[in-house]
Amino acid sequence: MAHNIVAIVGSLRKASFTLKIADALTRLAPDTLKLNVVTLHGLSFFNQDLEAEPPADWVAFREKIQKSSGVIFVTAEYNRSIPGVLKNAIDIASRPSGKSSFLGKPIGIVSNSPGPLGGVSAAKHLQNILPGISGPILGQPEIYLNGVGDGFDERGELIKESLRAVLQRYIDAYAAFVEKHYR
């Protein structure tokens, strides 16, 4: 039976590289994983005043994560950090305090950029935010995808073989990480 993994896309743009990378990971995943790509469209803003009676969109988002075997964050970098929509989603899923939906879930982090740095600051910020509210974070291989602008064709299909090889290596390592966690 395949492990159900939530791949959270940290970009709202319809044709974002982040979404294309998440979709590529679903196609490259071994049979032991089933990736469910989750975008953050329609997720309302976190407000602690609403915690006693959380909005339906928060409850649904939390349940997707709780029912999963793990989470992969696929994110762009905005202003040397993670996009605000991703931080909002993390705040929603990690609350109320002590009841994070991410607890115990093996975590993967994939950052990307069409520029030369590959979203490394976004990945590092996730590595700072997640401990204490998540399960173990895959440490190796780290993945900071740079120059992704020419990696996909007009239909969003992965065409850059060097990018495919890196994504394959990462998703295979993440699958082994999940298997080790559930032994």
C-alpha atoms as a PDB file:
ATOM      1  CA  MET A   1       0.000   0.000   0.000  1.00  0.00           C
ATOM      2  CA  ALA A   2       1.299   3.446  -0.923  1.00  0.00           C
ATOM      3  CA  HIS A   3       1.845   6.144   1.676  1.00  0.00           C
ATOM      4  CA  ASN A   4      -0.402   9.167   1.110  1.00  0.00           C
ATOM      5  CA  ILE A   5       1.820  12.264   1.014  1.00  0.00           C
ATOM      6  CA  VAL A   6       0.556  15.850   0.935  1.00  0.00           C
ATOM      7  CA  ALA A   7       2.642  18.064  -1.361  1.00  0.00           C
ATOM      8  CA  ILE A   8       1.907  21.648  -0.288  1.00  0.00           C
ATOM      9  CA  VAL A   9       2.494  24.177  -3.073  1.00  0.00           C
ATOM     10  CA  GLY A  10       3.726  27.492  -1.671  1.00  0.00           C
ATOM     11  CA  SER A  11       2.638  29.606  -4.641  1.00  0.00           C
ATOM     12  CA  LEU A  12      -0.747  30.796  -5.835  1.00  0.00           C
ATOM     13  CA  ARG A  13       0.251  31.609  -9.407  1.00  0.00           C
ATOM     14  CA  LYS A  14      -1.678  29.404 -11.842  1.00  0.00           C
ATOM     15  CA  ALA A  15       1.371  28.506 -13.941  1.00  0.00           C
ATOM     16  CA  SER A  16       3.952  28.643 -11.146  1.00  0.00           C
ATOM     17  CA  PHE A  17       7.165  26.654 -11.370  1.00  0.00           C
ATOM     18  CA  THR A  18       6.379  25.461  -7.857  1.00  0.00           C
ATOM     19  CA  LEU A  19       3.156  23.788  -8.999  1.00  0.00           C
ATOM     20  CA  LYS A  20       4.918  22.303 -12.033  1.00  0.00           C
ATOM     21  CA  ILE A  21       7.610  20.848  -9.772  1.00  0.00           C
ATOM     22  CA  ALA A  22       5.011  19.369  -7.401  1.00  0.00           C
ATOM     23  CA  ASP A  23       3.205  17.819 -10.370  1.00  0.00           C
ATOM     24  CA  ALA A  24       6.498  16.420 -11.694  1.00  0.00           C
ATOM     25  CA  LEU A  25       7.222  14.869  -8.290  1.00  0.00           C
ATOM     26  CA  THR A  26       3.849  13.090  -8.377  1.00  0.00           C
ATOM     27  CA  ARG A  27       4.764  11.509 -11.705  1.00  0.00           C
ATOM     28  CA  LEU A  28       8.274  10.567 -10.555  1.00  0.00           C
ATOM     29  CA  ALA A  29       7.248   9.147  -7.170  1.00  0.00           C
ATOM     30  CA  PRO A  30       7.827   5.435  -6.671  1.00  0.00           C
ATOM     31  CA  ASP A  31       4.858   3.121  -6.115  1.00  0.00           C
ATOM     32  CA  THR A  32       5.345   3.366  -2.342  1.00  0.00           C
ATOM     33  CA  LEU A  33       4.164   7.008  -2.394  1.00  0.00           C
ATOM     34  CA  LYS A  34       0.982   8.643  -3.618  1.00  0.00           C
ATOM     35  CA  LEU A  35       1.419  12.419  -3.726  1.00  0.00           C
ATOM     36  CA  ASN A  36      -1.630  14.610  -3.290  1.00  0.00           C
ATOM     37  CA  VAL A  37      -0.802  18.132  -4.536  1.00  0.00           C
ATOM     38  CA  VAL A  38      -2.491  20.758  -2.367  1.00  0.00           C
ATOM     39  CA  THR A  39      -2.620  24.397  -3.368  1.00  0.00           C
ATOM     40  CA  LEU A  40      -3.440  27.153  -0.906  1.00  0.00           C
ATOM     41  CA  HIS A  41      -6.163  28.888  -2.912  1.00  0.00           C
ATOM     42  CA  GLY A  42      -9.101  29.809  -0.703  1.00  0.00           C
ATOM     43  CA  LEU A  43      -7.325  29.198   2.604  1.00  0.00           C
ATOM     44  CA  SER A  44      -8.393  32.074   4.848  1.00  0.00           C
ATOM     45  CA  PHE A  45      -6.002  34.049   7.016  1.00  0.00           C
ATOM     46  CA  PHE A  46      -4.983  32.672  10.375  1.00  0.00           C
ATOM     47  CA  ASN A  47      -6.503  34.555  13.281  1.00  0.00           C
ATOM     48  CA  GLN A  48      -6.103  33.191  16.802  1.00  0.00           C
ATOM     49  CA  ASP A  49      -9.542  34.605  17.688  1.00  0.00           C
ATOM     50  CA  LEU A  50     -11.033  31.909  15.429  1.00  0.00           C
ATOM     51  CA  GLU A  51      -9.266  28.933  17.037  1.00  0.00           C
ATOM     52  CA  ALA A  52     -12.199  27.976  19.286  1.00  0.00           C
ATOM     53  CA  GLU A  53     -14.451  27.641  16.231  1.00  0.00           C
ATOM     54  CA  PRO A  54     -12.108  27.293  13.227  1.00  0.00           C
ATOM     55  CA  PRO A  55     -13.430  28.030   9.740  1.00  0.00           C
ATOM     56  CA  ALA A  56     -14.305  25.038   7.569  1.00  0.00           C
ATOM     57  CA  ASP A  57     -11.337  25.667   5.242  1.00  0.00           C
ATOM     58  CA  TRP A  58      -8.926  25.372   8.196  1.00  0.00           C
ATOM     59  CA  VAL A  59     -10.538  22.140   9.356  1.00  0.00           C
ATOM     60  CA  ALA A  60     -10.401  20.615   5.862  1.00  0.00           C
ATOM     61  CA  PHE A  61      -6.736  21.623   5.412  1.00  0.00           C
ATOM     62  CA  ARG A  62      -5.759  20.209   8.813  1.00  0.00           C
ATOM     63  CA  GLU A  63      -7.584  16.958   8.087  1.00  0.00           C
ATOM     64  CA  LYS A  64      -5.723  16.464   4.781  1.00  0.00           C
ATOM     65  CA  ILE A  65      -2.449  16.695   6.650  1.00  0.00           C
ATOM     66  CA  GLN A  66      -3.589  14.573   9.609  1.00  0.00           C
ATOM     67  CA  LYS A  67      -4.728  11.775   7.271  1.00  0.00           C
ATOM     68  CA  SER A  68      -1.421  11.797   5.405  1.00  0.00           C
ATOM     69  CA  SER A  69       1.733   9.791   6.038  1.00  0.00           C
ATOM     70  CA  GLY A  70       3.974  12.792   5.345  1.00  0.00           C
ATOM     71  CA  VAL A  71       4.309  16.259   3.882  1.00  0.00           C
ATOM     72  CA  ILE A  72       6.526  17.734   1.186  1.00  0.00           C
ATOM     73  CA  PHE A  73       6.719  21.506   1.032  1.00  0.00           C
ATOM     74  CA  VAL A  74       7.387  22.739  -2.499  1.00  0.00           C
ATOM     75  CA  THR A  75       8.046  26.460  -2.423  1.00  0.00           C
ATOM     76  CA  ALA A  76       9.342  29.444  -4.253  1.00  0.00           C
ATOM     77  CA  GLU A  77      11.294  32.150  -2.489  1.00  0.00           C
ATOM     78  CA  TYR A  78       9.799  35.597  -1.990  1.00  0.00           C
ATOM     79  CA  ASN A  79      12.043  38.332  -0.620  1.00  0.00           C
ATOM     80  CA  ARG A  80      14.544  35.826   0.817  1.00  0.00           C
ATOM     81  CA  SER A  81      11.860  33.854   2.676  1.00  0.00           C
ATOM     82  CA  ILE A  82       8.806  31.691   2.154  1.00  0.00           C
ATOM     83  CA  PRO A  83       5.683  33.122   0.531  1.00  0.00           C
ATOM     84  CA  GLY A  84       3.145  34.603   2.940  1.00  0.00           C
ATOM     85  CA  VAL A  85       0.477  32.095   1.856  1.00  0.00           C
ATOM     86  CA  LEU A  86       2.742  29.228   2.903  1.00  0.00           C
ATOM     87  CA  LYS A  87       3.484  30.758   6.299  1.00  0.00           C
ATOM     88  CA  ASN A  88      -0.259  31.284   6.782  1.00  0.00           C
ATOM     89  CA  ALA A  89      -0.918  27.614   5.925  1.00  0.00           C
ATOM     90  CA  ILE A  90       1.758  26.470   8.373  1.00  0.00           C
ATOM     91  CA  ASP A  91       0.233  28.655  11.092  1.00  0.00           C
ATOM     92  CA  ILE A  92      -3.224  27.180  10.426  1.00  0.00           C
ATOM     93  CA  ALA A  93      -2.065  23.556  10.379  1.00  0.00           C
ATOM     94  CA  SER A  94       0.224  23.866  13.397  1.00  0.00           C
ATOM     95  CA  ARG A  95      -2.432  25.265  15.719  1.00  0.00           C
ATOM     96  CA  PRO A  96      -3.800  25.116  18.313  1.00  0.00           C
ATOM     97  CA  SER A  97      -0.594  24.997  20.270  1.00  0.00           C
ATOM     98  CA  GLY A  98       0.533  21.436  20.954  1.00  0.00           C
ATOM     99  CA  LYS A  99      -1.831  19.953  18.348  1.00  0.00           C
ATOM    100  CA  SER A 100       0.063  20.520  15.131  1.00  0.00           C
ATOM    101  CA  SER A 101      -1.263  18.514  12.182  1.00  0.00           C
ATOM    102  CA  PHE A 102       2.380  18.069  11.108  1.00  0.00           C
ATOM    103  CA  LEU A 103       3.477  16.245  14.294  1.00  0.00           C
ATOM    104  CA  GLY A 104       5.115  12.924  13.556  1.00  0.00           C
ATOM    105  CA  LYS A 105       4.922  13.387   9.782  1.00  0.00           C
ATOM    106  CA  PRO A 106       8.147  12.923   7.775  1.00  0.00           C
ATOM    107  CA  ILE A 107       8.829  16.275   6.108  1.00  0.00           C
ATOM    108  CA  GLY A 108      10.456  17.060   2.774  1.00  0.00           C
ATOM    109  CA  ILE A 109      11.467  20.519   1.560  1.00  0.00           C
ATOM    110  CA  VAL A 110      11.899  21.422  -2.114  1.00  0.00           C
ATOM    111  CA  SER A 111      12.677  25.046  -2.917  1.00  0.00           C
ATOM    112  CA  ASN A 112      13.021  26.575  -6.341  1.00  0.00           C
ATOM    113  CA  SER A 113      13.762  29.703  -8.289  1.00  0.00           C
ATOM    114  CA  PRO A 114      14.264  30.677 -11.907  1.00  0.00           C
ATOM    115  CA  GLY A 115      17.335  32.546 -10.597  1.00  0.00           C
ATOM    116  CA  PRO A 116      20.720  31.196  -9.511  1.00  0.00           C
ATOM    117  CA  LEU A 117      20.093  30.601  -5.780  1.00  0.00           C
ATOM    118  CA  GLY A 118      17.322  28.003  -6.011  1.00  0.00           C
ATOM    119  CA  GLY A 119      15.252  29.355  -3.144  1.00  0.00           C
ATOM    120  CA  VAL A 120      17.850  28.400  -0.551  1.00  0.00           C
ATOM    121  CA  SER A 121      16.672  31.111   1.876  1.00  0.00           C
ATOM    122  CA  ALA A 122      13.092  29.826   1.701  1.00  0.00           C
ATOM    123  CA  ALA A 123      14.261  26.279   2.438  1.00  0.00           C
ATOM    124  CA  LYS A 124      16.392  27.459   5.349  1.00  0.00           C
ATOM    125  CA  HIS A 125      13.455  29.418   6.779  1.00  0.00           C
ATOM    126  CA  LEU A 126      11.305  26.281   6.633  1.00  0.00           C
ATOM    127  CA  GLN A 127      14.087  24.400   8.405  1.00  0.00           C
ATOM    128  CA  ASN A 128      13.897  27.052  11.148  1.00  0.00           C
ATOM    129  CA  ILE A 129      10.083  27.140  11.381  1.00  0.00           C
ATOM    130  CA  LEU A 130       9.221  23.425  11.334  1.00  0.00           C
ATOM    131  CA  PRO A 131      11.156  21.828  14.221  1.00  0.00           C
ATOM    132  CA  GLY A 132       8.868  21.569  17.221  1.00  0.00           C
ATOM    133  CA  ILE A 133       5.686  21.544  15.109  1.00  0.00           C
ATOM    134  CA  SER A 134       6.520  18.724  12.680  1.00  0.00           C
ATOM    135  CA  GLY A 135       8.027  15.300  12.433  1.00  0.00           C
ATOM    136  CA  PRO A 136      11.544  14.579  11.218  1.00  0.00           C
ATOM    137  CA  ILE A 137      12.846  16.620   8.290  1.00  0.00           C
ATOM    138  CA  LEU A 138      14.746  14.882   5.499  1.00  0.00           C
ATOM    139  CA  GLY A 139      18.281  16.267   5.761  1.00  0.00           C
ATOM    140  CA  GLN A 140      19.927  14.694   2.729  1.00  0.00           C
ATOM    141  CA  PRO A 141      19.732  15.260  -0.105  1.00  0.00           C
ATOM    142  CA  GLU A 142      18.952  18.923   0.264  1.00  0.00           C
ATOM    143  CA  ILE A 143      17.317  20.324  -2.837  1.00  0.00           C
ATOM    144  CA  TYR A 144      17.462  23.944  -4.005  1.00  0.00           C
ATOM    145  CA  LEU A 145      16.352  24.023  -7.619  1.00  0.00           C
ATOM    146  CA  ASN A 146      17.794  26.926  -9.566  1.00  0.00           C
ATOM    147  CA  GLY A 147      17.266  27.920 -13.178  1.00  0.00           C
ATOM    148  CA  VAL A 148      13.900  26.157 -13.356  1.00  0.00           C
ATOM    149  CA  GLY A 149      12.513  28.581 -15.954  1.00  0.00           C
ATOM    150  CA  ASP A 150      13.464  26.373 -18.886  1.00  0.00           C
ATOM    151  CA  GLY A 151      12.596  23.090 -17.194  1.00  0.00           C
ATOM    152  CA  PHE A 152       9.056  22.766 -18.521  1.00  0.00           C
ATOM    153  CA  ASP A 153       7.313  22.959 -21.864  1.00  0.00           C
ATOM    154  CA  GLU A 154       4.202  25.064 -22.618  1.00  0.00           C
ATOM    155  CA  ARG A 155       1.959  22.287 -21.218  1.00  0.00           C
ATOM    156  CA  GLY A 156       3.875  22.256 -17.930  1.00  0.00           C
ATOM    157  CA  GLU A 157       5.608  18.945 -18.653  1.00  0.00           C
ATOM    158  CA  LEU A 158       9.110  18.437 -17.293  1.00  0.00           C
ATOM    159  CA  ILE A 159      11.574  18.526 -20.211  1.00  0.00           C
ATOM    160  CA  LYS A 160      14.936  19.332 -18.597  1.00  0.00           C
ATOM    161  CA  GLU A 161      16.742  16.034 -17.994  1.00  0.00           C
ATOM    162  CA  SER A 162      19.131  17.447 -15.391  1.00  0.00           C
ATOM    163  CA  LEU A 163      16.126  18.698 -13.382  1.00  0.00           C
ATOM    164  CA  ARG A 164      14.385  15.338 -13.804  1.00  0.00           C
ATOM    165  CA  ALA A 165      17.443  13.530 -12.424  1.00  0.00           C
ATOM    166  CA  VAL A 166      17.602  15.780  -9.348  1.00  0.00           C
ATOM    167  CA  LEU A 167      13.869  15.422  -8.678  1.00  0.00           C
ATOM    168  CA  GLN A 168      14.051  11.642  -9.113  1.00  0.00           C
ATOM    169  CA  ARG A 169      16.954  11.363  -6.670  1.00  0.00           C
ATOM    170  CA  TYR A 170      15.072  13.498  -4.154  1.00  0.00           C
ATOM    171  CA  ILE A 171      11.701  11.717  -4.343  1.00  0.00           C
ATOM    172  CA  ASP A 172      13.425   8.330  -4.104  1.00  0.00           C
ATOM    173  CA  ALA A 173      15.318   9.499  -0.995  1.00  0.00           C
ATOM    174  CA  TYR A 174      12.110  10.886   0.499  1.00  0.00           C
ATOM    175  CA  ALA A 175      10.322   7.568  -0.164  1.00  0.00           C
ATOM    176  CA  ALA A 176      13.098   5.698   1.671  1.00  0.00           C
ATOM    177  CA  PHE A 177      12.867   8.252   4.517  1.00  0.00           C
ATOM    178  CA  VAL A 178       9.116   7.654   4.840  1.00  0.00           C
ATOM    179  CA  GLU A 179       9.574   3.861   4.760  1.00  0.00           C
ATOM    180  CA  LYS A 180      12.224   4.057   7.493  1.00  0.00           C
ATOM    181  CA  HIS A 181       9.925   6.230   9.595  1.00  0.00           C
ATOM    182  CA  TYR A 182       7.034   3.745   9.363  1.00  0.00           C
ATOM    183  CA  ARG A 183       9.054   0.555  10.053  1.00  0.00           C
END
